[in-house]
Amino acid sequence: MRGLLISFLCGFIMIFDIIAQQDPTYSQYMFNHMAVNPGYAGSHDAMCLTAVHRQQWVGIDGAPVTSVFTAHTPFTMFGASHGIGLTVMNDQIGFYQDVSAGLDYAFRIPLGTGKLGIGISGIFLNKALKAKWHIPNGDWTSDKAIPNEDGNVMGFDMGIGVFYRADNVYLGISSTHLLEPALKYADKIVNGVAYNPKFNMKRHYYATAGVLLPLNNPAWEVAPSLMAYSDGTASSLAANVNVFYNKKIWGGMGYRLAGSAIIAIIGVDLFNGVKVGYSFDYTVNSLNSYITGGGSHEVVVSYCFNLVKEKVVKKYKSVRFL
C-alpha cells in the first residue's frame, strides 16, 4: 500500500503544474476533505463537524475570503455502511459573493484494512454580484459582455468522489461542478436588444493522498500529504508534511505551486476531541509586495464524537448469595 501511495504522489507531482481555479484554495486540505470530496462522508465512524475560515492575500481589496462548514456521519441501513454529510460555504472574491449548500452521500465498502467511500453530492448555488464598474474613456452599459452592477443568480450543481481510508493511509479522487452550470444574470438591454450575461462554472478535478508514518519514538509521527487539482486548463499542486506529538500537537510545512506560497501549519487537540489548526501562507511571487504581512491566514476547528455511546456490560450479584 505504501509503495502504491509513493507512486501516486510522484505521478501527480510530475503531471500538475501551476495556477488557479474557481474553487477556493485550502492550505489545511488534509483536515477538510468534505469540501471537495463527497466520498469522504462517514469515513471517521463518528459524527464530525468542521469549520474553516480563510482570508487570502491580506491587504488586497477584493481578495478571497472563504468560510466553510461541513458535517458528516456514518450510518448503517439494510446491512450496509453509508455516510451522509452537509457542506455550506460562503466565498467572497472581488464583486462576487457565492453561497452554496450541498448534501453529500457515500456508499462505504470494506476494502483491505479500510473502507472505500463512493460519494455523490447535490449542491444549490447562489452567486450575487454587487459591482461598481468604471471603464476609463468608455461606457460599460454599451458592452453586452459586462453584467449589470447588481445581480443575483441561482443554480444547481453536483459533485462525485471516491475516498479510501485505512488506519494510516488515505487516497481520494473527486470532481466538483460536474454539471458545469451556466449561471445567467438578468437581461441587459444594449441598443434595444436583450443579452444574458452569464458566469460559466468549470468542472474541477482533485486528487489527494496522505500517509501516517510512526517514528522510532512512538510519541512522534510524521504525515506527508498532497493535493493536486485542475480545471482541465490550469492545474496546481500543494504538498505538506506534518509532525504529530502524542496525537495532541502538530506542526508542519508545505508549498503550493499556484500562487507560489510557502505554508506553515500548527495545531492542537484542546479537549475532548476539539481540534484547532492555524496556517499561514507566505507568498513568494511578485504579489508579495502588495500583501499586508506577506500572506494568507486560515483557521480550522473540528470536533468528532460518537452519536451512540457503547453500552458497558455490568454484572450484578444478588444479595442472597453474598
Protein backbone atom coordinates (compact mmCIF):
# COMPACT_ATOMS: atom_id res chain seq x y z
CA MET A 1 0.00 0.00 0.00
CA ARG A 2 2.81 2.43 0.85
CA GLY A 3 4.52 1.64 -2.48
CA LEU A 4 1.27 2.41 -4.28
CA LEU A 5 0.98 5.68 -2.36
CA ILE A 6 4.53 6.78 -3.27
CA SER A 7 3.84 6.08 -6.96
CA PHE A 8 0.59 8.03 -6.68
CA LEU A 9 2.38 11.04 -5.17
CA CYS A 10 5.19 11.08 -7.71
CA GLY A 11 2.80 10.77 -10.63
CA PHE A 12 0.82 13.82 -9.65
CA ILE A 13 3.92 15.85 -8.83
CA MET A 14 5.10 15.37 -12.43
CA ILE A 15 1.69 15.91 -14.05
CA PHE A 16 0.33 19.00 -12.32
CA ASP A 17 1.75 22.44 -12.97
CA ILE A 18 0.58 25.87 -11.94
CA ILE A 19 -2.17 28.33 -11.41
CA ALA A 20 -5.62 29.00 -10.21
CA GLN A 21 -9.22 27.90 -10.32
CA GLN A 22 -12.74 28.99 -9.47
CA ASP A 23 -13.00 26.90 -6.30
CA PRO A 24 -11.44 28.17 -3.04
CA THR A 25 -7.93 27.15 -2.11
CA TYR A 26 -7.22 25.49 1.26
CA SER A 27 -3.85 25.10 2.94
CA GLN A 28 -5.08 22.60 5.57
CA TYR A 29 -6.75 20.40 2.96
CA MET A 30 -5.81 17.29 4.96
CA PHE A 31 -8.40 18.30 7.58
CA ASN A 32 -11.03 19.49 5.09
CA HIS A 33 -11.71 16.70 2.58
CA MET A 34 -15.51 17.11 2.73
CA ALA A 35 -15.25 20.48 0.97
CA VAL A 36 -14.25 18.76 -2.30
CA ASN A 37 -14.97 15.02 -1.97
CA PRO A 38 -18.41 13.55 -1.04
CA GLY A 39 -16.82 10.10 -0.83
CA TYR A 40 -15.30 11.23 2.49
CA ALA A 41 -18.72 11.28 4.22
CA GLY A 42 -18.82 8.90 7.18
CA SER A 43 -15.17 7.93 6.91
CA HIS A 44 -14.36 8.58 10.60
CA ASP A 45 -17.02 6.28 12.09
CA ALA A 46 -18.21 9.27 14.14
CA MET A 47 -20.17 12.48 13.75
CA CYS A 48 -17.61 15.08 12.63
CA LEU A 49 -18.06 18.85 12.44
CA THR A 50 -15.50 21.12 10.78
CA ALA A 51 -15.40 24.89 10.30
CA VAL A 52 -12.79 26.64 8.15
CA HIS A 53 -12.19 30.34 7.69
CA ARG A 54 -9.60 31.56 5.21
CA GLN A 55 -8.53 35.12 4.47
CA GLN A 56 -6.27 35.19 1.44
CA TRP A 57 -3.77 37.86 0.39
CA VAL A 58 -4.45 40.17 3.35
CA GLY A 59 -4.32 43.85 2.37
CA ILE A 60 -5.53 43.47 -1.22
CA ASP A 61 -9.03 44.81 -1.87
CA GLY A 62 -11.35 42.11 -3.16
CA ALA A 63 -9.03 39.25 -2.20
CA PRO A 64 -10.77 35.92 -1.47
CA VAL A 65 -12.39 35.40 1.95
CA THR A 66 -13.86 31.93 2.42
CA SER A 67 -15.85 30.30 5.23
CA VAL A 68 -16.99 26.69 5.01
CA PHE A 69 -18.80 24.39 7.43
CA THR A 70 -19.08 20.62 6.98
CA ALA A 71 -20.77 17.88 8.97
CA HIS A 72 -20.82 14.17 8.22
CA THR A 73 -21.63 10.89 9.92
CA PRO A 74 -21.80 7.18 9.08
CA PHE A 75 -24.95 5.09 9.35
CA THR A 76 -26.00 1.51 8.66
CA MET A 77 -29.03 0.57 6.61
CA PHE A 78 -30.07 -2.78 5.10
CA GLY A 79 -26.87 -4.30 6.47
CA ALA A 80 -24.63 -1.92 4.50
CA SER A 81 -22.47 1.01 5.57
CA HIS A 82 -23.27 4.52 4.35
CA GLY A 83 -22.23 8.11 5.04
CA ILE A 84 -24.17 11.34 4.83
CA GLY A 85 -22.93 14.91 5.04
CA LEU A 86 -23.65 18.60 4.70
CA THR A 87 -21.40 21.31 3.22
CA VAL A 88 -22.18 25.03 3.47
CA MET A 89 -19.83 27.65 2.01
CA ASN A 90 -19.62 31.43 1.76
CA ASP A 91 -16.94 32.62 -0.67
CA GLN A 92 -16.27 36.29 -1.39
CA ILE A 93 -13.91 37.42 -4.13
CA GLY A 94 -13.95 40.80 -5.81
CA PHE A 95 -17.53 41.86 -6.53
CA TYR A 96 -18.82 38.30 -6.20
CA GLN A 97 -20.31 36.67 -3.12
CA ASP A 98 -21.05 32.98 -3.58
CA VAL A 99 -23.16 30.98 -1.15
CA SER A 100 -23.66 27.24 -1.60
CA ALA A 101 -25.25 24.41 0.36
CA GLY A 102 -24.81 20.77 -0.55
CA LEU A 103 -25.93 17.34 0.66
CA ASP A 104 -23.39 14.52 0.39
CA TYR A 105 -23.93 10.78 0.33
CA ALA A 106 -21.37 7.95 0.27
CA PHE A 107 -21.74 4.19 -0.04
CA ARG A 108 -18.96 2.61 2.00
CA ILE A 109 -17.34 -0.69 1.01
CA PRO A 110 -14.83 -2.67 3.11
CA LEU A 111 -11.55 -2.88 1.23
CA GLY A 112 -8.40 -4.36 2.70
CA THR A 113 -7.83 -2.88 6.15
CA GLY A 114 -10.03 0.15 5.46
CA LYS A 115 -13.16 1.30 3.66
CA LEU A 116 -13.78 2.84 0.25
CA GLY A 117 -16.43 5.55 0.08
CA ILE A 118 -18.14 6.20 -3.27
CA GLY A 119 -19.92 9.52 -3.00
CA ILE A 120 -22.17 11.98 -4.78
CA SER A 121 -23.32 15.47 -3.82
CA GLY A 122 -26.13 17.78 -4.86
CA ILE A 123 -25.36 21.48 -4.43
CA PHE A 124 -27.50 24.61 -4.57
CA LEU A 125 -25.57 27.70 -5.66
CA ASN A 126 -26.28 31.39 -5.28
CA LYS A 127 -23.92 33.87 -6.94
CA ALA A 128 -24.51 37.52 -6.06
CA LEU A 129 -22.81 40.37 -7.90
CA LYS A 130 -22.54 43.82 -6.36
CA ALA A 131 -20.20 45.84 -8.54
CA LYS A 132 -19.30 49.38 -9.44
CA TRP A 133 -17.97 49.30 -12.98
CA HIS A 134 -15.63 52.02 -14.21
CA ILE A 135 -14.10 51.95 -17.68
CA PRO A 136 -11.74 54.85 -18.48
CA ASN A 137 -12.89 56.62 -21.65
CA GLY A 138 -15.64 54.04 -22.10
CA ASP A 139 -19.24 53.18 -21.30
CA TRP A 140 -19.79 49.83 -19.62
CA THR A 141 -23.54 49.99 -20.29
CA SER A 142 -22.93 49.51 -24.01
CA ASP A 143 -20.82 46.37 -23.55
CA LYS A 144 -23.09 43.33 -23.71
CA ALA A 145 -20.47 41.12 -22.00
CA ILE A 146 -20.48 43.17 -18.79
CA PRO A 147 -23.45 42.38 -16.49
CA ASN A 148 -25.46 44.96 -14.60
CA GLU A 149 -23.90 46.25 -11.39
CA ASP A 150 -26.33 44.33 -9.18
CA GLY A 151 -27.19 40.73 -9.97
CA ASN A 152 -28.24 37.55 -8.28
CA VAL A 153 -28.50 34.11 -9.84
CA MET A 154 -29.17 30.62 -8.51
CA GLY A 155 -28.34 27.21 -9.90
CA PHE A 156 -27.91 23.51 -9.16
CA ASP A 157 -24.68 21.55 -9.41
CA MET A 158 -23.31 18.13 -8.50
CA GLY A 159 -20.07 16.51 -7.44
CA ILE A 160 -18.68 12.98 -7.27
CA GLY A 161 -15.78 11.37 -5.48
CA VAL A 162 -14.18 8.24 -4.09
CA PHE A 163 -12.22 8.19 -0.86
CA TYR A 164 -10.27 5.30 0.66
CA ARG A 165 -9.21 5.44 4.29
CA ALA A 166 -7.32 2.80 6.25
CA ASP A 167 -5.51 3.08 9.59
CA ASN A 168 -2.54 5.08 8.32
CA VAL A 169 -3.29 5.80 4.64
CA TYR A 170 -5.85 7.73 2.63
CA LEU A 171 -6.42 8.30 -1.09
CA GLY A 172 -9.11 10.37 -2.76
CA ILE A 173 -10.22 11.40 -6.26
CA SER A 174 -13.14 13.74 -6.89
CA SER A 175 -14.73 16.26 -9.23
CA THR A 176 -16.75 19.38 -8.43
CA HIS A 177 -19.07 21.38 -10.73
CA LEU A 178 -19.90 18.18 -12.53
CA LEU A 179 -22.80 19.79 -14.43
CA GLU A 180 -20.79 22.89 -15.39
CA PRO A 181 -23.84 25.14 -14.94
CA ALA A 182 -24.07 28.44 -16.81
CA LEU A 183 -25.44 30.92 -14.26
CA LYS A 184 -27.30 33.62 -16.18
CA TYR A 185 -27.88 37.07 -14.73
CA ALA A 186 -30.85 39.28 -15.53
CA ASP A 187 -31.18 40.57 -19.08
CA LYS A 188 -29.07 43.56 -20.03
CA ILE A 189 -30.52 45.84 -22.67
CA VAL A 190 -27.99 47.21 -25.18
CA ASN A 191 -29.34 49.23 -28.10
CA GLY A 192 -32.79 47.77 -27.55
CA VAL A 193 -31.52 44.17 -27.62
CA ALA A 194 -31.63 41.90 -24.54
CA TYR A 195 -28.47 40.00 -23.64
CA ASN A 196 -27.94 37.38 -20.92
CA PRO A 197 -24.53 37.85 -19.28
CA LYS A 198 -23.59 34.58 -17.62
CA PHE A 199 -20.98 33.02 -15.37
CA ASN A 200 -19.79 29.61 -16.54
CA MET A 201 -18.70 27.16 -13.85
CA LYS A 202 -15.88 24.85 -14.90
CA ARG A 203 -15.50 21.26 -13.82
CA HIS A 204 -12.68 20.80 -11.32
CA TYR A 205 -10.71 17.64 -10.56
CA TYR A 206 -8.98 16.78 -7.28
CA ALA A 207 -6.61 14.05 -6.16
CA THR A 208 -5.37 13.81 -2.60
CA ALA A 209 -3.21 11.34 -0.71
CA GLY A 210 -1.55 11.02 2.66
CA VAL A 211 0.16 8.56 4.97
CA LEU A 212 0.93 8.50 8.70
CA LEU A 213 4.38 7.10 9.47
CA PRO A 214 5.44 6.20 13.04
CA LEU A 215 8.96 7.15 14.11
CA ASN A 216 11.31 5.28 16.45
CA ASN A 217 9.82 7.16 19.38
CA PRO A 218 6.14 6.08 19.45
CA ALA A 219 5.11 9.54 20.65
CA TRP A 220 6.13 11.06 17.32
CA GLU A 221 4.57 10.53 13.87
CA VAL A 222 5.14 12.18 10.52
CA ALA A 223 2.35 12.68 7.96
CA PRO A 224 3.26 13.70 4.38
CA SER A 225 0.32 14.57 2.12
CA LEU A 226 -0.56 16.29 -1.12
CA MET A 227 -3.47 17.64 -3.08
CA ALA A 228 -3.43 18.04 -6.86
CA TYR A 229 -6.21 19.93 -8.61
CA SER A 230 -7.09 21.08 -12.11
CA ASP A 231 -9.94 22.64 -14.07
CA GLY A 232 -8.78 20.96 -17.28
CA THR A 233 -6.89 24.05 -18.40
CA ALA A 234 -4.83 25.20 -15.43
CA SER A 235 -3.51 22.92 -12.70
CA SER A 236 -1.60 23.05 -9.44
CA LEU A 237 -0.18 21.02 -6.60
CA ALA A 238 0.06 21.55 -2.85
CA ALA A 239 2.33 19.33 -0.73
CA ASN A 240 2.72 19.25 3.04
CA VAL A 241 4.49 17.39 5.83
CA ASN A 242 3.07 17.48 9.37
CA VAL A 243 4.73 16.10 12.51
CA PHE A 244 2.45 14.91 15.35
CA TYR A 245 3.38 14.59 19.03
CA ASN A 246 1.21 12.25 21.11
CA LYS A 247 -1.57 12.86 18.58
CA LYS A 248 -2.25 16.09 20.50
CA ILE A 249 0.07 18.68 18.98
CA TRP A 250 1.21 19.04 15.38
CA GLY A 251 3.09 21.36 13.09
CA GLY A 252 4.34 21.27 9.55
CA MET A 253 5.47 22.97 6.38
CA GLY A 254 4.18 22.89 2.84
CA TYR A 255 4.37 24.50 -0.58
CA ARG A 256 1.74 25.41 -3.15
CA LEU A 257 2.65 25.89 -6.81
CA ALA A 258 -0.37 28.04 -7.72
CA GLY A 259 0.27 31.37 -6.05
CA SER A 260 3.80 30.28 -5.14
CA ALA A 261 3.34 30.10 -1.37
CA ILE A 262 5.26 28.55 1.50
CA ILE A 263 2.84 27.19 4.13
CA ALA A 264 3.36 26.87 7.88
CA ILE A 265 0.84 24.90 9.98
CA ILE A 266 0.38 24.44 13.73
CA GLY A 267 -2.42 22.73 15.63
CA VAL A 268 -3.53 21.30 18.96
CA ASP A 269 -6.15 18.92 20.32
CA LEU A 270 -7.63 21.16 23.02
CA PHE A 271 -10.03 18.88 24.91
CA ASN A 272 -12.45 16.01 24.28
CA GLY A 273 -11.56 15.82 20.60
CA VAL A 274 -11.92 19.54 19.82
CA LYS A 275 -9.04 20.35 17.45
CA VAL A 276 -7.83 23.75 16.27
CA GLY A 277 -5.38 24.33 13.44
CA TYR A 278 -3.84 27.50 12.02
CA SER A 279 -1.87 28.01 8.83
CA PHE A 280 -0.02 30.96 7.34
CA ASP A 281 0.81 31.20 3.65
CA TYR A 282 3.82 33.33 2.77
CA THR A 283 3.56 34.40 -0.87
CA VAL A 284 6.91 34.22 -2.65
CA ASN A 285 6.00 35.74 -6.02
CA SER A 286 5.68 39.40 -7.14
CA LEU A 287 2.28 39.66 -5.42
CA ASN A 288 4.04 39.69 -2.06
CA SER A 289 4.77 43.43 -2.12
CA TYR A 290 1.03 44.21 -2.20
CA ILE A 291 0.06 41.92 0.70
CA THR A 292 -0.05 43.06 4.32
CA GLY A 293 2.23 40.76 6.30
CA GLY A 294 3.14 38.84 3.17
CA GLY A 295 0.42 36.23 3.04
CA SER A 296 -2.84 34.50 3.94
CA HIS A 297 -4.40 33.14 7.13
CA GLU A 298 -6.53 30.03 7.66
CA VAL A 299 -8.15 28.63 10.81
CA VAL A 300 -9.70 25.15 11.13
CA VAL A 301 -11.81 23.97 14.07
CA SER A 302 -13.08 20.37 14.15
CA TYR A 303 -14.88 18.09 16.56
CA CYS A 304 -15.76 14.40 16.25
CA PHE A 305 -17.97 12.46 18.64
CA ASN A 306 -19.94 9.23 18.79
CA LEU A 307 -23.69 9.60 18.46
CA VAL A 308 -24.36 6.33 20.27
CA LYS A 309 -22.39 5.53 23.38
CA GLU A 310 -21.18 1.99 23.75
CA LYS A 311 -23.09 0.05 26.35
CA VAL A 312 -20.99 -1.10 29.27
CA VAL A 313 -21.96 -4.58 30.42
CA LYS A 314 -22.27 -4.63 34.18
CA LYS A 315 -22.65 -7.73 36.33
CA TYR A 316 -24.72 -7.63 39.48
CA LYS A 317 -24.62 -10.17 42.27
CA SER A 318 -27.72 -10.92 44.20
CA VAL A 319 -27.52 -10.09 47.90
CA ARG A 320 -28.93 -13.56 48.53
CA PHE A 321 -25.55 -15.06 47.57
CA LEU A 322 -23.21 -12.71 49.38
